[in-house]
Amino acid sequence: VCVDWPEYELTGGLPEGGTYGGDYVSDGMFHPAEAGLGDHIITYAYTNAAGCESIVEQTITVESCVGITEVSEDGIQIFPNPARDMVKLTSAAELISIKVFNNLGQAVIEKTVNGNSYQLNTSDLESGLYFIRLETENNSIIKQLIIE
């Protein structure tokens, strides 16, 4: 994740109903700006009805993401947002690629695009916060996407 990304909800722990922990995690939210650059261990703990507990760890790497030039906010539209099965992306500049990242910074969708708009199928994504990186010939911008 990028250090300047806003705090975001940690999701995906199974079975559901467990708790997230670790430095810079509060109420299930990870805070990249507070965490700072580097690797950070996030835990997910679950206790079943019999009292058996299981804990798993995942590393989140916070990077500076230097070198990304943002295009004008006026040229990018993502709708609907929040979305469910489909989201439309439009840009004043021609889009070259679209990448969607989950809250662990892993690319979950990667598309090559030639045009100013693209209809992106999001039906396979779990509910939560995602980040979309839209690239044009000379620029790149990262926007948030919420999947319900």
N, C-alpha and C. Protein backbone atom coordinates (compact mmCIF):
# COMPACT_ATOMS: atom_id res chain seq x y z
N VAL A 1 0.84 -1.17 0.00
CA VAL A 1 0.00 0.00 0.00
C VAL A 1 0.89 1.23 0.00
N CYS A 2 0.33 2.35 -0.40
CA CYS A 2 1.07 3.61 -0.42
C CYS A 2 0.90 4.33 0.92
N VAL A 3 1.95 4.98 1.36
CA VAL A 3 1.95 5.65 2.66
C VAL A 3 0.91 6.76 2.73
N ASP A 4 0.56 7.36 1.59
CA ASP A 4 -0.41 8.45 1.61
C ASP A 4 -1.85 7.99 1.37
N TRP A 5 -2.07 6.67 1.32
CA TRP A 5 -3.44 6.17 1.21
C TRP A 5 -4.16 6.40 2.53
N PRO A 6 -5.47 6.62 2.49
CA PRO A 6 -6.22 6.80 3.74
C PRO A 6 -6.35 5.48 4.49
N GLU A 7 -6.74 5.58 5.75
CA GLU A 7 -6.97 4.35 6.52
C GLU A 7 -8.03 3.52 5.80
N TYR A 8 -7.96 2.20 5.96
CA TYR A 8 -8.95 1.36 5.30
C TYR A 8 -9.26 0.14 6.14
N GLU A 9 -10.44 -0.41 5.89
CA GLU A 9 -10.94 -1.54 6.65
C GLU A 9 -10.25 -2.82 6.19
N LEU A 10 -9.80 -3.61 7.15
CA LEU A 10 -9.23 -4.91 6.86
C LEU A 10 -10.38 -5.90 6.71
N THR A 11 -10.36 -6.67 5.63
CA THR A 11 -11.43 -7.64 5.37
C THR A 11 -10.82 -8.93 4.85
N GLY A 12 -11.63 -9.95 4.74
CA GLY A 12 -11.21 -11.20 4.12
C GLY A 12 -10.85 -12.30 5.09
N GLY A 13 -10.77 -12.00 6.40
CA GLY A 13 -10.45 -13.04 7.38
C GLY A 13 -11.56 -14.07 7.46
N LEU A 14 -11.17 -15.34 7.48
CA LEU A 14 -12.14 -16.43 7.55
C LEU A 14 -11.76 -17.38 8.68
N PRO A 15 -12.73 -17.93 9.38
CA PRO A 15 -14.15 -17.62 9.29
C PRO A 15 -14.42 -16.20 9.77
N GLU A 16 -15.53 -15.66 9.29
CA GLU A 16 -15.90 -14.30 9.68
C GLU A 16 -16.17 -14.23 11.17
N GLY A 17 -16.02 -13.03 11.73
CA GLY A 17 -16.31 -12.84 13.15
C GLY A 17 -15.07 -12.74 14.01
N GLY A 18 -13.90 -12.84 13.40
CA GLY A 18 -12.65 -12.71 14.14
C GLY A 18 -12.26 -11.25 14.30
N THR A 19 -11.08 -11.04 14.86
CA THR A 19 -10.62 -9.67 15.07
C THR A 19 -9.23 -9.48 14.46
N TYR A 20 -9.02 -8.27 13.94
CA TYR A 20 -7.73 -7.89 13.36
C TYR A 20 -6.92 -7.16 14.42
N GLY A 21 -5.61 -7.37 14.38
CA GLY A 21 -4.74 -6.71 15.32
C GLY A 21 -3.41 -6.39 14.68
N GLY A 22 -2.56 -5.76 15.46
CA GLY A 22 -1.24 -5.38 15.00
C GLY A 22 -1.02 -3.90 15.22
N ASP A 23 0.23 -3.48 15.05
CA ASP A 23 0.53 -2.06 15.18
C ASP A 23 -0.20 -1.29 14.09
N TYR A 24 -0.73 -0.17 14.45
CA TYR A 24 -1.43 0.74 13.54
C TYR A 24 -2.74 0.17 13.02
N VAL A 25 -3.32 -0.78 13.77
CA VAL A 25 -4.64 -1.32 13.49
C VAL A 25 -5.53 -0.96 14.67
N SER A 26 -6.65 -0.31 14.38
CA SER A 26 -7.62 -0.02 15.44
C SER A 26 -9.02 -0.18 14.87
N ASP A 27 -9.87 -0.88 15.61
CA ASP A 27 -11.24 -1.14 15.19
C ASP A 27 -11.31 -1.73 13.79
N GLY A 28 -10.37 -2.62 13.45
CA GLY A 28 -10.36 -3.27 12.15
C GLY A 28 -9.89 -2.41 11.00
N MET A 29 -9.31 -1.24 11.30
CA MET A 29 -8.82 -0.32 10.28
C MET A 29 -7.31 -0.23 10.35
N PHE A 30 -6.63 -0.28 9.17
CA PHE A 30 -5.18 -0.12 9.10
C PHE A 30 -4.89 1.31 8.68
N HIS A 31 -3.87 1.92 9.33
CA HIS A 31 -3.53 3.32 9.10
C HIS A 31 -2.13 3.43 8.48
N PRO A 32 -2.02 3.43 7.13
CA PRO A 32 -0.71 3.44 6.47
C PRO A 32 0.15 4.65 6.82
N ALA A 33 -0.44 5.84 6.91
CA ALA A 33 0.34 7.05 7.19
C ALA A 33 0.97 6.97 8.57
N GLU A 34 0.24 6.45 9.55
CA GLU A 34 0.77 6.31 10.90
C GLU A 34 1.82 5.19 10.95
N ALA A 35 1.58 4.13 10.18
CA ALA A 35 2.50 2.99 10.19
C ALA A 35 3.85 3.37 9.61
N GLY A 36 3.85 4.17 8.57
CA GLY A 36 5.10 4.56 7.93
C GLY A 36 5.61 3.48 7.00
N LEU A 37 6.71 3.79 6.34
CA LEU A 37 7.30 2.90 5.34
C LEU A 37 7.81 1.61 5.97
N GLY A 38 7.68 0.51 5.23
CA GLY A 38 8.22 -0.77 5.68
C GLY A 38 7.15 -1.84 5.79
N ASP A 39 7.57 -2.99 6.34
CA ASP A 39 6.68 -4.14 6.51
C ASP A 39 6.01 -4.07 7.87
N HIS A 40 4.72 -4.42 7.89
CA HIS A 40 3.94 -4.41 9.12
C HIS A 40 3.14 -5.71 9.21
N ILE A 41 3.19 -6.37 10.36
CA ILE A 41 2.49 -7.63 10.57
C ILE A 41 1.07 -7.34 11.05
N ILE A 42 0.10 -7.90 10.35
CA ILE A 42 -1.31 -7.80 10.73
C ILE A 42 -1.75 -9.20 11.14
N THR A 43 -2.50 -9.31 12.23
CA THR A 43 -2.99 -10.61 12.68
C THR A 43 -4.50 -10.68 12.54
N TYR A 44 -4.98 -11.90 12.36
CA TYR A 44 -6.42 -12.16 12.38
C TYR A 44 -6.63 -13.33 13.33
N ALA A 45 -7.41 -13.08 14.38
CA ALA A 45 -7.65 -14.11 15.39
C ALA A 45 -9.12 -14.47 15.39
N TYR A 46 -9.37 -15.80 15.51
CA TYR A 46 -10.74 -16.30 15.55
C TYR A 46 -10.84 -17.36 16.63
N THR A 47 -11.88 -17.27 17.44
CA THR A 47 -12.15 -18.28 18.47
C THR A 47 -13.50 -18.90 18.18
N ASN A 48 -13.54 -20.25 18.06
CA ASN A 48 -14.81 -20.91 17.77
C ASN A 48 -15.61 -21.14 19.04
N ALA A 49 -16.80 -21.73 18.90
CA ALA A 49 -17.71 -21.93 20.04
C ALA A 49 -17.11 -22.84 21.11
N ALA A 50 -16.20 -23.73 20.71
CA ALA A 50 -15.57 -24.66 21.66
C ALA A 50 -14.38 -24.02 22.38
N GLY A 51 -14.06 -22.79 22.01
CA GLY A 51 -12.96 -22.09 22.66
C GLY A 51 -11.61 -22.29 22.00
N CYS A 52 -11.59 -22.97 20.86
CA CYS A 52 -10.33 -23.16 20.14
C CYS A 52 -10.01 -21.87 19.36
N GLU A 53 -8.77 -21.40 19.52
CA GLU A 53 -8.37 -20.16 18.88
C GLU A 53 -7.37 -20.42 17.77
N SER A 54 -7.50 -19.66 16.70
CA SER A 54 -6.56 -19.73 15.59
C SER A 54 -6.15 -18.31 15.24
N ILE A 55 -4.85 -18.13 15.00
CA ILE A 55 -4.33 -16.81 14.64
C ILE A 55 -3.49 -16.97 13.38
N VAL A 56 -3.68 -16.06 12.44
CA VAL A 56 -2.89 -16.06 11.21
C VAL A 56 -2.29 -14.67 11.04
N GLU A 57 -1.12 -14.61 10.43
CA GLU A 57 -0.44 -13.34 10.21
C GLU A 57 -0.30 -13.06 8.72
N GLN A 58 -0.33 -11.78 8.38
CA GLN A 58 -0.12 -11.32 7.01
C GLN A 58 0.73 -10.07 7.08
N THR A 59 1.67 -9.94 6.16
CA THR A 59 2.52 -8.76 6.12
C THR A 59 1.96 -7.76 5.12
N ILE A 60 1.83 -6.52 5.55
CA ILE A 60 1.46 -5.42 4.65
C ILE A 60 2.70 -4.55 4.50
N THR A 61 3.08 -4.28 3.26
CA THR A 61 4.22 -3.42 2.99
C THR A 61 3.72 -2.03 2.61
N VAL A 62 4.19 -1.03 3.34
CA VAL A 62 3.83 0.35 3.05
C VAL A 62 5.01 0.96 2.29
N GLU A 63 4.71 1.51 1.11
CA GLU A 63 5.73 2.08 0.24
C GLU A 63 5.45 3.56 0.00
N SER A 64 6.46 4.27 -0.48
CA SER A 64 6.29 5.70 -0.75
C SER A 64 5.54 5.96 -2.05
N CYS A 65 5.58 5.02 -2.99
CA CYS A 65 4.90 5.14 -4.29
C CYS A 65 5.35 6.40 -5.02
N VAL A 66 6.62 6.67 -5.00
CA VAL A 66 7.20 7.83 -5.67
C VAL A 66 7.10 7.62 -7.18
N GLY A 67 6.91 8.72 -7.90
CA GLY A 67 6.92 8.65 -9.36
C GLY A 67 5.55 8.58 -9.99
N ILE A 68 4.50 8.60 -9.21
CA ILE A 68 3.16 8.59 -9.78
C ILE A 68 2.70 10.03 -9.93
N THR A 69 2.45 10.44 -11.15
CA THR A 69 1.95 11.77 -11.41
C THR A 69 0.44 11.69 -11.55
N GLU A 70 -0.27 12.46 -10.77
CA GLU A 70 -1.72 12.40 -10.83
C GLU A 70 -2.25 13.30 -11.93
N VAL A 71 -3.27 12.78 -12.65
CA VAL A 71 -3.95 13.59 -13.64
C VAL A 71 -5.03 14.39 -12.94
N SER A 72 -5.56 15.36 -13.62
CA SER A 72 -6.61 16.19 -13.05
C SER A 72 -7.78 15.34 -12.57
N GLU A 73 -8.28 15.65 -11.39
CA GLU A 73 -9.44 14.93 -10.84
C GLU A 73 -10.66 15.09 -11.73
N ASP A 74 -10.76 16.19 -12.47
CA ASP A 74 -11.92 16.45 -13.31
C ASP A 74 -12.05 15.45 -14.45
N GLY A 75 -10.95 14.82 -14.85
CA GLY A 75 -10.99 13.94 -16.00
C GLY A 75 -11.37 12.50 -15.69
N ILE A 76 -11.42 12.12 -14.43
CA ILE A 76 -11.67 10.73 -14.05
C ILE A 76 -13.03 10.62 -13.38
N GLN A 77 -13.82 9.64 -13.85
CA GLN A 77 -15.09 9.35 -13.20
C GLN A 77 -15.20 7.85 -12.98
N ILE A 78 -15.66 7.48 -11.80
CA ILE A 78 -15.91 6.08 -11.45
C ILE A 78 -17.33 6.03 -10.90
N PHE A 79 -18.21 5.29 -11.57
CA PHE A 79 -19.58 5.22 -11.09
C PHE A 79 -20.21 3.89 -11.49
N PRO A 80 -21.13 3.36 -10.67
CA PRO A 80 -21.46 3.89 -9.35
C PRO A 80 -20.34 3.56 -8.36
N ASN A 81 -20.27 4.31 -7.32
CA ASN A 81 -19.28 4.09 -6.26
C ASN A 81 -19.90 4.55 -4.95
N PRO A 82 -20.34 3.63 -4.11
CA PRO A 82 -20.10 2.19 -4.04
C PRO A 82 -20.78 1.43 -5.19
N ALA A 83 -20.17 0.28 -5.51
CA ALA A 83 -20.64 -0.55 -6.62
C ALA A 83 -20.91 -1.96 -6.14
N ARG A 84 -21.50 -2.75 -7.03
CA ARG A 84 -21.71 -4.17 -6.74
C ARG A 84 -21.07 -5.02 -7.83
N ASP A 85 -21.75 -5.18 -8.96
CA ASP A 85 -21.30 -6.10 -10.00
C ASP A 85 -20.54 -5.42 -11.14
N MET A 86 -20.77 -4.14 -11.35
CA MET A 86 -20.19 -3.44 -12.49
C MET A 86 -19.86 -2.01 -12.09
N VAL A 87 -18.77 -1.49 -12.64
CA VAL A 87 -18.41 -0.09 -12.44
C VAL A 87 -17.93 0.46 -13.77
N LYS A 88 -18.33 1.69 -14.09
CA LYS A 88 -17.90 2.33 -15.34
C LYS A 88 -16.81 3.34 -15.01
N LEU A 89 -15.72 3.28 -15.77
CA LEU A 89 -14.59 4.18 -15.60
C LEU A 89 -14.48 5.03 -16.85
N THR A 90 -14.41 6.35 -16.68
CA THR A 90 -14.24 7.24 -17.81
C THR A 90 -13.11 8.23 -17.52
N SER A 91 -12.47 8.68 -18.58
CA SER A 91 -11.35 9.60 -18.45
C SER A 91 -11.32 10.54 -19.64
N ALA A 92 -10.89 11.79 -19.40
CA ALA A 92 -10.71 12.73 -20.51
C ALA A 92 -9.55 12.28 -21.39
N ALA A 93 -8.54 11.63 -20.80
CA ALA A 93 -7.41 11.10 -21.55
C ALA A 93 -7.66 9.63 -21.87
N GLU A 94 -6.99 9.12 -22.89
CA GLU A 94 -7.16 7.72 -23.26
C GLU A 94 -6.55 6.81 -22.20
N LEU A 95 -7.34 5.84 -21.75
CA LEU A 95 -6.88 4.87 -20.75
C LEU A 95 -6.03 3.80 -21.42
N ILE A 96 -4.96 3.40 -20.74
CA ILE A 96 -4.08 2.33 -21.23
C ILE A 96 -4.26 1.07 -20.40
N SER A 97 -4.32 1.25 -19.08
CA SER A 97 -4.51 0.08 -18.22
C SER A 97 -5.27 0.44 -16.96
N ILE A 98 -5.90 -0.59 -16.40
CA ILE A 98 -6.64 -0.47 -15.15
C ILE A 98 -6.19 -1.61 -14.25
N LYS A 99 -5.82 -1.28 -13.02
CA LYS A 99 -5.47 -2.30 -12.03
C LYS A 99 -6.26 -2.02 -10.77
N VAL A 100 -6.85 -3.07 -10.21
CA VAL A 100 -7.60 -2.96 -8.96
C VAL A 100 -6.81 -3.72 -7.90
N PHE A 101 -6.58 -3.05 -6.76
CA PHE A 101 -5.82 -3.63 -5.65
C PHE A 101 -6.72 -3.81 -4.44
N ASN A 102 -6.54 -4.94 -3.74
CA ASN A 102 -7.28 -5.14 -2.50
C ASN A 102 -6.60 -4.38 -1.37
N ASN A 103 -7.12 -4.53 -0.15
CA ASN A 103 -6.57 -3.77 0.96
C ASN A 103 -5.21 -4.28 1.44
N LEU A 104 -4.70 -5.35 0.87
CA LEU A 104 -3.36 -5.83 1.17
C LEU A 104 -2.37 -5.40 0.09
N GLY A 105 -2.85 -4.61 -0.88
CA GLY A 105 -2.00 -4.14 -1.94
C GLY A 105 -1.79 -5.14 -3.06
N GLN A 106 -2.57 -6.22 -3.06
CA GLN A 106 -2.45 -7.25 -4.09
C GLN A 106 -3.36 -6.90 -5.27
N ALA A 107 -2.83 -7.03 -6.48
CA ALA A 107 -3.63 -6.78 -7.69
C ALA A 107 -4.65 -7.90 -7.84
N VAL A 108 -5.94 -7.55 -7.90
CA VAL A 108 -7.00 -8.54 -8.03
C VAL A 108 -7.65 -8.50 -9.41
N ILE A 109 -7.49 -7.39 -10.12
CA ILE A 109 -7.96 -7.25 -11.50
C ILE A 109 -6.92 -6.44 -12.26
N GLU A 110 -6.56 -6.89 -13.47
CA GLU A 110 -5.65 -6.15 -14.34
C GLU A 110 -6.22 -6.19 -15.75
N LYS A 111 -6.43 -5.03 -16.35
CA LYS A 111 -7.00 -4.94 -17.69
C LYS A 111 -6.20 -3.97 -18.54
N THR A 112 -6.01 -4.33 -19.81
CA THR A 112 -5.44 -3.42 -20.80
C THR A 112 -6.62 -2.76 -21.50
N VAL A 113 -6.54 -1.44 -21.69
CA VAL A 113 -7.66 -0.68 -22.21
C VAL A 113 -7.16 0.21 -23.35
N ASN A 114 -8.00 0.41 -24.35
CA ASN A 114 -7.73 1.37 -25.42
C ASN A 114 -8.99 2.19 -25.62
N GLY A 115 -9.07 3.33 -24.96
CA GLY A 115 -10.25 4.18 -25.09
C GLY A 115 -10.42 5.06 -23.87
N ASN A 116 -11.50 5.84 -23.89
CA ASN A 116 -11.75 6.78 -22.80
C ASN A 116 -12.73 6.25 -21.76
N SER A 117 -13.28 5.07 -21.99
CA SER A 117 -14.18 4.50 -20.99
C SER A 117 -14.05 2.98 -21.00
N TYR A 118 -14.42 2.40 -19.86
CA TYR A 118 -14.35 0.94 -19.72
C TYR A 118 -15.36 0.51 -18.67
N GLN A 119 -16.09 -0.55 -18.97
CA GLN A 119 -17.03 -1.13 -18.01
C GLN A 119 -16.33 -2.32 -17.36
N LEU A 120 -16.09 -2.22 -16.06
CA LEU A 120 -15.32 -3.21 -15.31
C LEU A 120 -16.25 -4.11 -14.51
N ASN A 121 -16.13 -5.44 -14.71
CA ASN A 121 -16.92 -6.42 -13.98
C ASN A 121 -16.29 -6.59 -12.59
N THR A 122 -17.05 -6.28 -11.55
CA THR A 122 -16.55 -6.39 -10.17
C THR A 122 -17.31 -7.46 -9.39
N SER A 123 -18.06 -8.32 -10.07
CA SER A 123 -18.91 -9.30 -9.40
C SER A 123 -18.12 -10.33 -8.60
N ASP A 124 -16.85 -10.57 -8.93
CA ASP A 124 -16.04 -11.54 -8.20
C ASP A 124 -15.36 -10.96 -6.97
N LEU A 125 -15.49 -9.66 -6.74
CA LEU A 125 -14.84 -9.01 -5.61
C LEU A 125 -15.70 -9.10 -4.36
N GLU A 126 -15.06 -9.36 -3.21
CA GLU A 126 -15.76 -9.36 -1.94
C GLU A 126 -16.05 -7.93 -1.53
N SER A 127 -17.00 -7.74 -0.64
CA SER A 127 -17.30 -6.41 -0.12
C SER A 127 -16.08 -5.83 0.56
N GLY A 128 -15.86 -4.53 0.37
CA GLY A 128 -14.74 -3.88 1.03
C GLY A 128 -14.20 -2.73 0.21
N LEU A 129 -13.07 -2.19 0.68
CA LEU A 129 -12.41 -1.06 0.04
C LEU A 129 -11.33 -1.56 -0.91
N TYR A 130 -11.31 -1.02 -2.11
CA TYR A 130 -10.30 -1.33 -3.12
C TYR A 130 -9.72 -0.03 -3.65
N PHE A 131 -8.60 -0.15 -4.34
CA PHE A 131 -7.96 1.00 -4.96
C PHE A 131 -7.79 0.69 -6.44
N ILE A 132 -8.18 1.64 -7.29
CA ILE A 132 -8.06 1.48 -8.73
C ILE A 132 -6.95 2.39 -9.22
N ARG A 133 -6.01 1.80 -9.96
CA ARG A 133 -4.94 2.58 -10.57
C ARG A 133 -5.24 2.67 -12.06
N LEU A 134 -5.50 3.90 -12.52
CA LEU A 134 -5.81 4.15 -13.92
C LEU A 134 -4.58 4.77 -14.57
N GLU A 135 -4.12 4.19 -15.69
CA GLU A 135 -2.93 4.71 -16.37
C GLU A 135 -3.29 5.20 -17.76
N THR A 136 -2.75 6.40 -18.08
CA THR A 136 -2.84 6.94 -19.44
C THR A 136 -1.40 6.94 -19.99
N GLU A 137 -1.18 7.49 -21.17
CA GLU A 137 0.16 7.50 -21.77
C GLU A 137 1.20 8.14 -20.86
N ASN A 138 0.84 9.24 -20.20
CA ASN A 138 1.82 9.99 -19.42
C ASN A 138 1.52 10.09 -17.94
N ASN A 139 0.37 9.61 -17.51
CA ASN A 139 -0.04 9.83 -16.13
C ASN A 139 -0.63 8.58 -15.50
N SER A 140 -0.74 8.64 -14.18
CA SER A 140 -1.35 7.56 -13.41
C SER A 140 -2.07 8.19 -12.23
N ILE A 141 -3.21 7.63 -11.87
CA ILE A 141 -3.94 8.13 -10.71
C ILE A 141 -4.53 6.93 -9.97
N ILE A 142 -4.61 7.07 -8.66
CA ILE A 142 -5.19 6.03 -7.83
C ILE A 142 -6.45 6.59 -7.19
N LYS A 143 -7.54 5.85 -7.31
CA LYS A 143 -8.83 6.25 -6.73
C LYS A 143 -9.36 5.10 -5.88
N GLN A 144 -10.21 5.43 -4.94
CA GLN A 144 -10.84 4.42 -4.09
C GLN A 144 -12.10 3.89 -4.77
N LEU A 145 -12.39 2.61 -4.50
CA LEU A 145 -13.63 1.98 -4.95
C LEU A 145 -14.17 1.15 -3.80
N ILE A 146 -15.44 1.32 -3.50
CA ILE A 146 -16.09 0.53 -2.46
C ILE A 146 -17.00 -0.47 -3.13
N ILE A 147 -16.86 -1.74 -2.76
CA ILE A 147 -17.73 -2.80 -3.25
C ILE A 147 -18.66 -3.19 -2.11
N GLU A 148 -19.96 -3.16 -2.39
CA GLU A 148 -20.96 -3.51 -1.38
C GLU A 148 -21.24 -4.99 -1.40
